[in-house]
Amino acid sequence: NITICDVAERTVGDGPCPSGEVEKEKNVFDFVYAHDVVHDMTNPKALIRDVYHRLSDRGCWVIVDIDCSDDEIANLENPSAATMYGFSCFLCLACSSSTKDGAA
């Protein structure tokens, strides 16, 4: 079964079942997939903490993010750099700073 957690409605920390259906201690994920999302979170530390506590002992968390460098010169060699930079400035930064306590 697949459970999609829309963090606007509830957190990963709530587990795969809505609150009250199953005891929280029994709610664990065997697999968590985050594609191009962790850097957009207003509170990525909370997401990381929640996944860590909800991931089963043999569980797997796959985090996929854009391929870029911390070095601006190295990024100039990437043909998609301008597009990624634009998205980063106008979408990612806006999302991660959208709350008073945002991480951005």
C-alpha atoms as a PDB file:
ATOM      1  CA  ASN A   1       0.000   0.000   0.000  1.00  0.00           C
ATOM      2  CA  ILE A   2       1.072   3.557  -0.646  1.00  0.00           C
ATOM      3  CA  THR A   3       0.354   6.453   1.667  1.00  0.00           C
ATOM      4  CA  ILE A   4       0.856   9.987   0.417  1.00  0.00           C
ATOM      5  CA  CYS A   5       1.374  12.551   3.151  1.00  0.00           C
ATOM      6  CA  ASP A   6       0.367  16.046   2.159  1.00  0.00           C
ATOM      7  CA  VAL A   7       2.269  17.996   4.794  1.00  0.00           C
ATOM      8  CA  ALA A   8      -0.241  20.827   4.440  1.00  0.00           C
ATOM      9  CA  GLU A   9      -2.802  18.478   6.034  1.00  0.00           C
ATOM     10  CA  ARG A  10      -0.682  16.337   8.368  1.00  0.00           C
ATOM     11  CA  THR A  11       2.948  15.542   8.985  1.00  0.00           C
ATOM     12  CA  VAL A  12       4.990  12.428   8.386  1.00  0.00           C
ATOM     13  CA  GLY A  13       5.168  12.249  12.172  1.00  0.00           C
ATOM     14  CA  ASP A  14       1.458  11.366  12.205  1.00  0.00           C
ATOM     15  CA  GLY A  15       2.398   8.073  10.546  1.00  0.00           C
ATOM     16  CA  PRO A  16       0.752   6.344   7.616  1.00  0.00           C
ATOM     17  CA  CYS A  17      -2.687   6.207   9.246  1.00  0.00           C
ATOM     18  CA  PRO A  18      -4.743   9.253  10.189  1.00  0.00           C
ATOM     19  CA  SER A  19      -4.557  10.023  13.895  1.00  0.00           C
ATOM     20  CA  GLY A  20      -6.663   7.756  16.030  1.00  0.00           C
ATOM     21  CA  GLU A  21      -6.919   4.793  13.617  1.00  0.00           C
ATOM     22  CA  VAL A  22      -3.815   2.977  14.853  1.00  0.00           C
ATOM     23  CA  GLU A  23      -1.548   3.671  17.791  1.00  0.00           C
ATOM     24  CA  LYS A  24       1.204   6.052  16.714  1.00  0.00           C
ATOM     25  CA  GLU A  25       3.932   3.686  17.918  1.00  0.00           C
ATOM     26  CA  LYS A  26       2.816   1.105  15.359  1.00  0.00           C
ATOM     27  CA  ASN A  27       2.772   3.525  12.433  1.00  0.00           C
ATOM     28  CA  VAL A  28       5.983   3.034  10.510  1.00  0.00           C
ATOM     29  CA  PHE A  29       7.028   3.545   6.932  1.00  0.00           C
ATOM     30  CA  ASP A  30       9.114   0.973   5.083  1.00  0.00           C
ATOM     31  CA  PHE A  31       9.915   3.397   2.294  1.00  0.00           C
ATOM     32  CA  VAL A  32       9.896   7.199   2.057  1.00  0.00           C
ATOM     33  CA  TYR A  33      10.538   9.008  -1.224  1.00  0.00           C
ATOM     34  CA  ALA A  34      11.147  12.763  -1.376  1.00  0.00           C
ATOM     35  CA  HIS A  35      11.733  14.153  -4.863  1.00  0.00           C
ATOM     36  CA  ASP A  36      12.974  17.748  -5.057  1.00  0.00           C
ATOM     37  CA  VAL A  37      11.136  18.731  -1.875  1.00  0.00           C
ATOM     38  CA  VAL A  38      13.337  18.752   1.242  1.00  0.00           C
ATOM     39  CA  HIS A  39      15.001  22.082   0.379  1.00  0.00           C
ATOM     40  CA  ASP A  40      11.555  23.665  -0.132  1.00  0.00           C
ATOM     41  CA  MET A  41      10.289  22.822   3.355  1.00  0.00           C
ATOM     42  CA  THR A  42       9.775  25.634   5.836  1.00  0.00           C
ATOM     43  CA  ASN A  43      11.090  23.307   8.518  1.00  0.00           C
ATOM     44  CA  PRO A  44      13.255  20.585   6.940  1.00  0.00           C
ATOM     45  CA  LYS A  45      14.672  19.566  10.332  1.00  0.00           C
ATOM     46  CA  ALA A  46      11.183  18.588  11.502  1.00  0.00           C
ATOM     47  CA  LEU A  47      10.661  16.503   8.363  1.00  0.00           C
ATOM     48  CA  ILE A  48      14.003  14.758   8.856  1.00  0.00           C
ATOM     49  CA  ARG A  49      13.187  14.102  12.532  1.00  0.00           C
ATOM     50  CA  ASP A  50       9.719  12.776  11.712  1.00  0.00           C
ATOM     51  CA  VAL A  51      10.965  10.464   8.959  1.00  0.00           C
ATOM     52  CA  TYR A  52      13.732   9.199  11.232  1.00  0.00           C
ATOM     53  CA  HIS A  53      11.206   8.347  13.969  1.00  0.00           C
ATOM     54  CA  ARG A  54       8.640   6.817  11.605  1.00  0.00           C
ATOM     55  CA  LEU A  55      10.989   4.816   9.359  1.00  0.00           C
ATOM     56  CA  SER A  56      11.002   1.100  10.162  1.00  0.00           C
ATOM     57  CA  ASP A  57      14.260  -0.491  11.317  1.00  0.00           C
ATOM     58  CA  ARG A  58      14.941  -1.835   7.836  1.00  0.00           C
ATOM     59  CA  GLY A  59      13.245   1.083   6.071  1.00  0.00           C
ATOM     60  CA  CYS A  60      14.704   3.187   3.278  1.00  0.00           C
ATOM     61  CA  TRP A  61      14.481   6.928   2.632  1.00  0.00           C
ATOM     62  CA  VAL A  62      15.324   8.093  -0.873  1.00  0.00           C
ATOM     63  CA  ILE A  63      15.965  11.816  -1.284  1.00  0.00           C
ATOM     64  CA  VAL A  64      16.298  13.078  -4.845  1.00  0.00           C
ATOM     65  CA  ASP A  65      17.364  16.656  -5.444  1.00  0.00           C
ATOM     66  CA  ILE A  66      18.686  18.778  -8.269  1.00  0.00           C
ATOM     67  CA  ASP A  67      22.261  18.265  -9.385  1.00  0.00           C
ATOM     68  CA  CYS A  68      24.093  21.481  -8.717  1.00  0.00           C
ATOM     69  CA  SER A  69      27.235  22.640  -7.000  1.00  0.00           C
ATOM     70  CA  ASP A  70      27.888  25.082  -4.188  1.00  0.00           C
ATOM     71  CA  ASP A  71      30.410  26.634  -6.559  1.00  0.00           C
ATOM     72  CA  GLU A  72      28.797  29.166  -8.921  1.00  0.00           C
ATOM     73  CA  ILE A  73      31.582  28.763 -11.510  1.00  0.00           C
ATOM     74  CA  ALA A  74      31.015  25.002 -11.674  1.00  0.00           C
ATOM     75  CA  ASN A  75      27.297  25.599 -12.189  1.00  0.00           C
ATOM     76  CA  LEU A  76      28.004  27.701 -15.289  1.00  0.00           C
ATOM     77  CA  GLU A  77      28.983  24.481 -17.061  1.00  0.00           C
ATOM     78  CA  ASN A  78      25.523  23.031 -16.452  1.00  0.00           C
ATOM     79  CA  PRO A  79      23.185  23.921 -19.355  1.00  0.00           C
ATOM     80  CA  SER A  80      20.185  23.879 -16.986  1.00  0.00           C
ATOM     81  CA  ALA A  81      21.805  26.170 -14.409  1.00  0.00           C
ATOM     82  CA  ALA A  82      19.837  29.296 -15.354  1.00  0.00           C
ATOM     83  CA  THR A  83      16.529  27.436 -15.148  1.00  0.00           C
ATOM     84  CA  MET A  84      17.423  25.841 -11.799  1.00  0.00           C
ATOM     85  CA  TYR A  85      18.575  29.191 -10.412  1.00  0.00           C
ATOM     86  CA  GLY A  86      15.329  30.834 -11.527  1.00  0.00           C
ATOM     87  CA  PHE A  87      13.209  28.136  -9.918  1.00  0.00           C
ATOM     88  CA  SER A  88      15.332  28.325  -6.781  1.00  0.00           C
ATOM     89  CA  CYS A  89      14.913  32.085  -6.412  1.00  0.00           C
ATOM     90  CA  PHE A  90      11.236  32.348  -7.301  1.00  0.00           C
ATOM     91  CA  LEU A  91       9.777  29.066  -6.081  1.00  0.00           C
ATOM     92  CA  CYS A  92      12.034  27.230  -3.611  1.00  0.00           C
ATOM     93  CA  LEU A  93      13.063  30.294  -1.634  1.00  0.00           C
ATOM     94  CA  ALA A  94       9.482  31.565  -1.552  1.00  0.00           C
ATOM     95  CA  CYS A  95       8.217  28.201  -0.265  1.00  0.00           C
ATOM     96  CA  SER A  96      10.878  27.731   2.395  1.00  0.00           C
ATOM     97  CA  SER A  97      10.416  31.267   3.708  1.00  0.00           C
ATOM     98  CA  SER A  98       6.603  31.264   3.545  1.00  0.00           C
ATOM     99  CA  THR A  99       6.157  31.002   7.303  1.00  0.00           C
ATOM    100  CA  LYS A 100       7.392  33.233  10.090  1.00  0.00           C
ATOM    101  CA  ASP A 101       9.788  30.558  11.306  1.00  0.00           C
ATOM    102  CA  GLY A 102      10.789  29.347   7.835  1.00  0.00           C
ATOM    103  CA  ALA A 103      14.297  27.921   7.421  1.00  0.00           C
ATOM    104  CA  ALA A 104      15.243  30.088   4.440  1.00  0.00           C
END
